[in-house]
N, C-alpha and C. Protein backbone atom coordinates (compact mmCIF):
# COMPACT_ATOMS: atom_id res chain seq x y z
N MET A 1 -0.46 -1.90 36.26
CA MET A 1 0.59 -1.45 36.52
C MET A 1 1.71 -1.21 35.33
N THR A 2 1.73 -2.56 34.78
CA THR A 2 2.63 -2.80 33.61
C THR A 2 2.39 -1.91 32.44
N THR A 3 1.24 -1.68 32.33
CA THR A 3 0.73 -0.95 31.40
C THR A 3 1.18 0.46 31.37
N MET A 4 1.27 1.20 32.50
CA MET A 4 1.52 2.62 32.73
C MET A 4 3.00 2.51 32.65
N ALA A 5 3.66 1.50 33.10
CA ALA A 5 5.31 1.42 33.01
C ALA A 5 5.51 1.66 31.48
N MET A 6 4.78 0.98 30.40
CA MET A 6 5.04 0.88 29.10
C MET A 6 4.90 2.17 28.46
N ILE A 7 3.82 2.88 28.81
CA ILE A 7 3.48 4.08 28.22
C ILE A 7 4.50 5.07 28.40
N SER A 8 4.79 4.98 29.95
CA SER A 8 5.76 5.86 30.60
C SER A 8 7.44 5.78 29.81
N LYS A 9 7.64 4.53 29.35
CA LYS A 9 8.93 4.38 28.94
C LYS A 9 9.00 5.06 27.32
N THR A 10 7.80 4.73 26.87
CA THR A 10 7.82 5.14 25.23
C THR A 10 7.71 6.65 25.51
N GLY A 11 6.95 7.18 26.13
CA GLY A 11 6.93 8.64 26.28
C GLY A 11 8.39 9.38 26.69
N GLU A 12 9.05 8.75 27.53
CA GLU A 12 10.24 9.18 28.14
C GLU A 12 11.23 8.99 26.64
N ARG A 13 11.01 7.96 26.21
CA ARG A 13 12.01 7.68 24.97
C ARG A 13 11.99 8.61 23.84
N MET A 14 10.59 8.86 23.49
CA MET A 14 10.29 10.05 22.53
C MET A 14 10.94 11.33 23.01
N ASP A 15 10.66 11.91 24.57
CA ASP A 15 11.36 13.31 24.69
C ASP A 15 12.81 12.87 24.86
N ALA A 16 13.34 11.86 24.83
CA ALA A 16 14.86 11.80 24.91
C ALA A 16 15.30 11.92 23.53
N MET A 17 14.64 11.42 22.71
CA MET A 17 15.08 11.64 21.14
C MET A 17 14.97 12.89 20.86
N ARG A 18 13.72 13.75 21.20
CA ARG A 18 13.65 14.94 20.94
C ARG A 18 14.65 15.93 21.10
N VAL A 19 15.07 15.69 22.59
CA VAL A 19 16.25 16.46 23.16
C VAL A 19 17.60 16.17 22.22
N GLU A 20 17.72 14.95 21.99
CA GLU A 20 18.80 14.37 21.28
C GLU A 20 19.04 14.60 19.84
N PHE A 21 17.99 14.60 19.16
CA PHE A 21 17.92 14.76 17.58
C PHE A 21 17.33 15.99 17.22
N GLY A 22 16.31 16.53 17.83
CA GLY A 22 15.51 17.61 17.61
C GLY A 22 14.07 17.13 16.96
N ALA A 23 13.21 17.90 16.91
CA ALA A 23 12.00 17.20 16.67
C ALA A 23 11.99 16.86 15.49
N ILE A 24 12.38 17.29 14.49
CA ILE A 24 12.17 17.10 13.06
C ILE A 24 12.89 15.70 12.89
N LEU A 25 14.02 15.32 13.24
CA LEU A 25 15.05 14.06 13.11
C LEU A 25 14.01 12.81 14.13
N ALA A 26 13.72 13.34 15.38
CA ALA A 26 12.80 12.18 16.01
C ALA A 26 11.65 11.80 15.14
N ASP A 27 10.97 12.97 14.78
CA ASP A 27 9.22 12.52 14.12
C ASP A 27 10.07 11.61 12.72
N ARG A 28 11.01 12.01 12.12
CA ARG A 28 11.40 10.76 11.14
C ARG A 28 11.90 9.56 11.70
N ILE A 29 12.57 9.61 12.70
CA ILE A 29 12.73 8.22 13.36
C ILE A 29 11.54 7.53 13.74
N LEU A 30 10.64 8.13 14.05
CA LEU A 30 9.08 7.56 14.63
C LEU A 30 8.63 7.10 13.49
N GLU A 31 8.60 7.99 12.42
CA GLU A 31 7.90 7.48 11.04
C GLU A 31 8.63 6.12 10.60
N THR A 32 9.88 6.00 11.01
CA THR A 32 10.48 5.10 10.38
C THR A 32 10.40 3.68 11.13
N GLU A 33 10.42 3.96 12.47
CA GLU A 33 10.24 2.88 13.45
C GLU A 33 8.83 2.72 13.81
N LEU A 34 7.97 3.16 13.19
CA LEU A 34 6.66 3.21 14.04
C LEU A 34 6.05 2.12 14.45
N LEU A 35 6.20 0.79 13.79
CA LEU A 35 5.77 -0.41 14.26
C LEU A 35 6.17 -0.71 15.86
N ASP A 36 7.53 -0.71 15.87
CA ASP A 36 8.25 -0.78 17.21
C ASP A 36 7.55 0.13 18.06
N PHE A 37 7.72 1.26 17.92
CA PHE A 37 6.89 2.36 18.94
C PHE A 37 5.69 2.08 19.26
N LEU A 38 4.92 1.54 18.30
CA LEU A 38 3.37 1.09 18.61
C LEU A 38 3.27 0.04 19.53
N TRP A 39 4.22 -0.82 19.36
CA TRP A 39 4.09 -2.14 19.92
C TRP A 39 4.49 -1.96 21.30
N GLU A 40 5.59 -1.27 21.45
CA GLU A 40 6.28 -0.72 22.90
C GLU A 40 5.32 -0.08 23.74
N ALA A 41 4.46 0.84 22.95
CA ALA A 41 3.22 1.75 23.63
C ALA A 41 2.04 1.01 23.96
N ARG A 42 1.87 -0.44 23.60
CA ARG A 42 0.57 -0.72 23.37
C ARG A 42 0.14 -1.02 24.93
N ILE A 43 -1.33 -0.65 25.00
CA ILE A 43 -1.92 -0.79 26.12
C ILE A 43 -2.99 -2.00 26.18
N GLY A 44 -3.21 -2.51 24.98
CA GLY A 44 -4.10 -3.82 24.67
C GLY A 44 -3.56 -4.36 23.15
N GLU A 45 -3.80 -5.65 23.28
CA GLU A 45 -3.41 -6.53 22.06
C GLU A 45 -4.57 -7.48 22.00
N ARG A 46 -4.83 -7.90 20.86
CA ARG A 46 -6.33 -8.90 20.49
C ARG A 46 -5.67 -9.70 19.30
N TYR A 47 -5.92 -10.91 19.45
CA TYR A 47 -5.62 -12.00 18.21
C TYR A 47 -6.65 -11.77 17.26
N LEU A 48 -6.28 -11.64 16.01
CA LEU A 48 -7.21 -11.65 14.87
C LEU A 48 -7.12 -13.00 13.97
N GLY A 49 -6.04 -13.70 13.98
CA GLY A 49 -6.02 -14.71 13.41
C GLY A 49 -4.77 -14.99 12.81
N GLN A 50 -4.65 -16.27 12.26
CA GLN A 50 -3.12 -16.70 11.38
C GLN A 50 -3.21 -15.71 10.25
N HIS A 51 -2.04 -15.30 9.84
CA HIS A 51 -1.55 -14.49 8.90
C HIS A 51 -0.94 -15.52 7.95
N PHE A 52 -1.23 -15.35 6.37
CA PHE A 52 -0.80 -16.06 5.39
C PHE A 52 -0.07 -15.14 4.40
N SER A 53 1.12 -15.27 4.24
CA SER A 53 1.75 -14.29 3.28
C SER A 53 1.59 -14.80 1.91
N GLU A 54 1.98 -13.93 0.98
CA GLU A 54 1.44 -14.26 -0.47
C GLU A 54 2.13 -15.67 -0.58
N ASP A 55 3.25 -15.96 -0.35
CA ASP A 55 3.90 -17.01 -1.00
C ASP A 55 4.01 -18.27 0.12
N TRP A 56 3.13 -18.12 1.11
CA TRP A 56 3.23 -19.15 2.16
C TRP A 56 3.13 -20.71 1.65
N ILE A 57 2.52 -20.91 0.49
CA ILE A 57 2.45 -22.18 0.06
C ILE A 57 4.34 -22.62 -0.13
N CYS A 58 4.97 -21.49 -0.99
CA CYS A 58 6.22 -21.94 -1.35
C CYS A 58 7.34 -21.96 -0.11
N ASP A 59 6.86 -20.91 0.85
CA ASP A 59 7.63 -20.65 1.75
C ASP A 59 8.19 -22.31 2.57
N GLY A 60 9.43 -22.46 2.57
CA GLY A 60 9.50 -23.69 3.24
C GLY A 60 9.87 -23.72 4.74
N ASP A 61 10.02 -22.38 5.34
CA ASP A 61 10.62 -21.97 6.65
C ASP A 61 9.54 -22.37 7.57
N GLY A 62 8.11 -22.56 6.95
CA GLY A 62 6.68 -22.98 8.11
C GLY A 62 7.09 -22.04 9.36
N GLU A 63 7.35 -20.85 9.34
CA GLU A 63 6.84 -19.73 10.32
C GLU A 63 5.67 -19.31 10.50
N GLU A 64 5.08 -19.69 11.61
CA GLU A 64 3.67 -19.26 12.01
C GLU A 64 3.75 -17.78 12.16
N LEU A 65 2.78 -17.18 11.59
CA LEU A 65 2.49 -15.80 11.75
C LEU A 65 0.95 -15.79 12.08
N SER A 66 0.82 -14.45 12.74
CA SER A 66 -0.60 -14.03 13.33
C SER A 66 -0.96 -12.63 13.29
N ARG A 67 -2.17 -12.18 12.92
CA ARG A 67 -2.30 -11.13 13.04
C ARG A 67 -2.68 -10.64 14.26
N VAL A 68 -2.54 -9.32 14.53
CA VAL A 68 -2.93 -8.85 15.98
C VAL A 68 -3.42 -7.52 15.91
N ALA A 69 -4.31 -7.32 16.74
CA ALA A 69 -4.69 -5.61 16.63
C ALA A 69 -4.20 -5.21 18.19
N ILE A 70 -3.82 -3.94 17.94
CA ILE A 70 -3.19 -3.34 18.91
C ILE A 70 -3.70 -2.04 19.26
N MET A 71 -3.97 -1.62 20.71
CA MET A 71 -4.21 -0.23 21.06
C MET A 71 -2.99 0.40 21.72
N SER A 72 -2.62 1.66 21.27
CA SER A 72 -1.41 2.20 21.80
C SER A 72 -1.88 3.49 22.18
N VAL A 73 -0.96 4.14 23.01
CA VAL A 73 -1.27 5.43 23.34
C VAL A 73 0.37 6.15 23.19
N LEU A 74 0.73 6.78 22.07
CA LEU A 74 1.64 7.29 21.45
C LEU A 74 1.76 9.18 21.30
N ASN A 75 2.60 9.59 21.83
CA ASN A 75 2.40 11.00 21.85
C ASN A 75 1.29 11.27 22.26
N GLY A 76 0.75 11.10 23.16
CA GLY A 76 -0.57 11.62 24.03
C GLY A 76 -1.56 11.16 23.11
N ARG A 77 -1.74 10.51 21.86
CA ARG A 77 -2.81 10.05 21.24
C ARG A 77 -3.11 8.63 21.46
N PHE A 78 -4.27 8.26 21.26
CA PHE A 78 -4.81 6.65 20.92
C PHE A 78 -4.62 6.44 19.60
N GLN A 79 -3.93 5.17 19.48
CA GLN A 79 -3.86 4.71 18.36
C GLN A 79 -4.36 3.14 18.12
N ILE A 80 -4.92 2.72 17.00
CA ILE A 80 -5.28 1.46 16.73
C ILE A 80 -4.62 0.91 15.35
N ALA A 81 -3.98 -0.30 15.73
CA ALA A 81 -3.40 -0.56 14.61
C ALA A 81 -3.53 -2.33 14.48
N ALA A 82 -3.28 -2.95 13.22
CA ALA A 82 -3.10 -4.38 13.14
C ALA A 82 -1.70 -4.53 12.38
N CYS A 83 -1.23 -5.47 13.01
CA CYS A 83 0.32 -5.85 12.58
C CYS A 83 0.17 -7.41 12.65
N VAL A 84 1.41 -8.10 11.84
CA VAL A 84 1.84 -9.32 11.69
C VAL A 84 2.78 -9.40 12.79
N VAL A 85 2.70 -10.58 13.66
CA VAL A 85 3.46 -11.08 14.71
C VAL A 85 4.00 -12.52 14.44
N ASP A 86 5.42 -12.57 14.75
CA ASP A 86 5.88 -14.09 14.55
C ASP A 86 5.47 -14.98 15.83
N GLY A 87 5.83 -16.13 15.85
CA GLY A 87 5.51 -17.06 16.84
C GLY A 87 6.42 -16.84 18.03
N GLU A 88 7.32 -16.02 18.14
CA GLU A 88 8.29 -15.35 19.19
C GLU A 88 7.37 -14.33 20.00
N GLY A 89 6.51 -13.58 19.08
CA GLY A 89 5.85 -12.24 19.82
C GLY A 89 6.41 -11.00 19.19
N VAL A 90 7.02 -11.17 18.24
CA VAL A 90 7.86 -10.08 17.68
C VAL A 90 7.35 -9.60 16.67
N PRO A 91 6.69 -8.44 16.25
CA PRO A 91 6.10 -7.66 15.22
C PRO A 91 6.76 -7.72 14.20
N SER A 92 6.33 -7.96 12.97
CA SER A 92 7.21 -8.08 11.95
C SER A 92 6.76 -7.18 10.68
N GLU A 93 5.27 -6.57 10.61
CA GLU A 93 4.80 -5.92 9.83
C GLU A 93 3.50 -5.11 9.96
N LEU A 94 3.40 -3.79 9.81
CA LEU A 94 2.17 -3.22 9.98
C LEU A 94 1.34 -3.32 8.84
N ILE A 95 0.19 -3.59 9.21
CA ILE A 95 -0.95 -3.95 8.30
C ILE A 95 -1.49 -2.46 7.97
N TRP A 96 -2.04 -1.58 9.10
CA TRP A 96 -2.70 -0.38 9.02
C TRP A 96 -2.74 0.13 10.33
N ARG A 97 -2.84 1.43 10.31
CA ARG A 97 -2.94 2.35 11.71
C ARG A 97 -3.84 3.44 11.61
N ARG A 98 -4.70 3.63 12.40
CA ARG A 98 -5.73 4.64 12.73
C ARG A 98 -5.27 5.47 14.12
N ASP A 99 -5.37 6.76 13.92
CA ASP A 99 -5.50 7.86 14.99
C ASP A 99 -7.04 7.65 15.30
N CYS A 100 -6.99 7.99 16.84
CA CYS A 100 -8.41 8.11 17.42
C CYS A 100 -8.39 9.28 17.95
N HIS A 101 -9.69 10.00 18.32
CA HIS A 101 -10.03 10.90 18.89
C HIS A 101 -10.55 10.91 20.53
N GLY A 102 -9.81 9.99 21.10
CA GLY A 102 -10.33 9.82 22.57
C GLY A 102 -10.72 8.39 22.63
N SER A 103 -10.50 7.83 23.93
CA SER A 103 -10.79 6.50 24.46
C SER A 103 -11.67 5.81 23.74
N ASP A 104 -12.86 6.32 23.89
CA ASP A 104 -14.35 5.83 23.52
C ASP A 104 -14.07 5.46 21.96
N GLU A 105 -13.63 6.43 21.15
CA GLU A 105 -13.37 5.92 19.87
C GLU A 105 -12.33 4.70 19.68
N ALA A 106 -10.99 4.95 20.37
CA ALA A 106 -10.28 3.92 20.46
C ALA A 106 -10.88 2.36 20.66
N ASN A 107 -11.42 2.46 21.97
CA ASN A 107 -12.01 1.08 22.36
C ASN A 107 -12.97 0.80 21.24
N SER A 108 -13.79 1.64 20.73
CA SER A 108 -14.76 0.80 19.50
C SER A 108 -13.98 0.47 18.45
N MET A 109 -13.01 1.10 18.19
CA MET A 109 -12.38 0.61 16.77
C MET A 109 -11.44 -0.59 17.14
N PHE A 110 -10.90 -0.70 18.48
CA PHE A 110 -10.07 -1.74 18.96
C PHE A 110 -11.03 -2.98 18.88
N ALA A 111 -12.51 -2.79 19.23
CA ALA A 111 -12.98 -4.11 19.57
C ALA A 111 -13.86 -4.60 17.95
N THR A 112 -13.58 -3.82 17.01
CA THR A 112 -14.35 -4.03 15.70
C THR A 112 -13.06 -4.39 14.65
N ALA A 113 -11.53 -4.01 15.34
CA ALA A 113 -10.87 -4.24 14.09
C ALA A 113 -10.52 -5.86 13.72
N HIS A 114 -10.27 -5.77 12.39
CA HIS A 114 -10.15 -7.08 11.99
C HIS A 114 -9.09 -7.20 10.73
């Protein structure tokens, strides 16, 4: 039930952006804020392990970062992505993203993401 609500809200938000800003500007906003849209539209997530940034030894803040695979439905398409998430559960970096040609491909890719 919650999953469907997340998909619905993201879809409504994209439709509203297209109406308000036009399709071209809405697509540019989506491109710029892709991680946030993917995160909000996720229907699954899987912990992939701890993430170490390049300067993690010198970094004094000690912030714990994790790599997480997510499966999202955005604009009617399944998408699989890996991102960096902080200790609060807030995504901060998109590592990679792939479009899928259906739920079977998405489930397979999600299960093997690393």
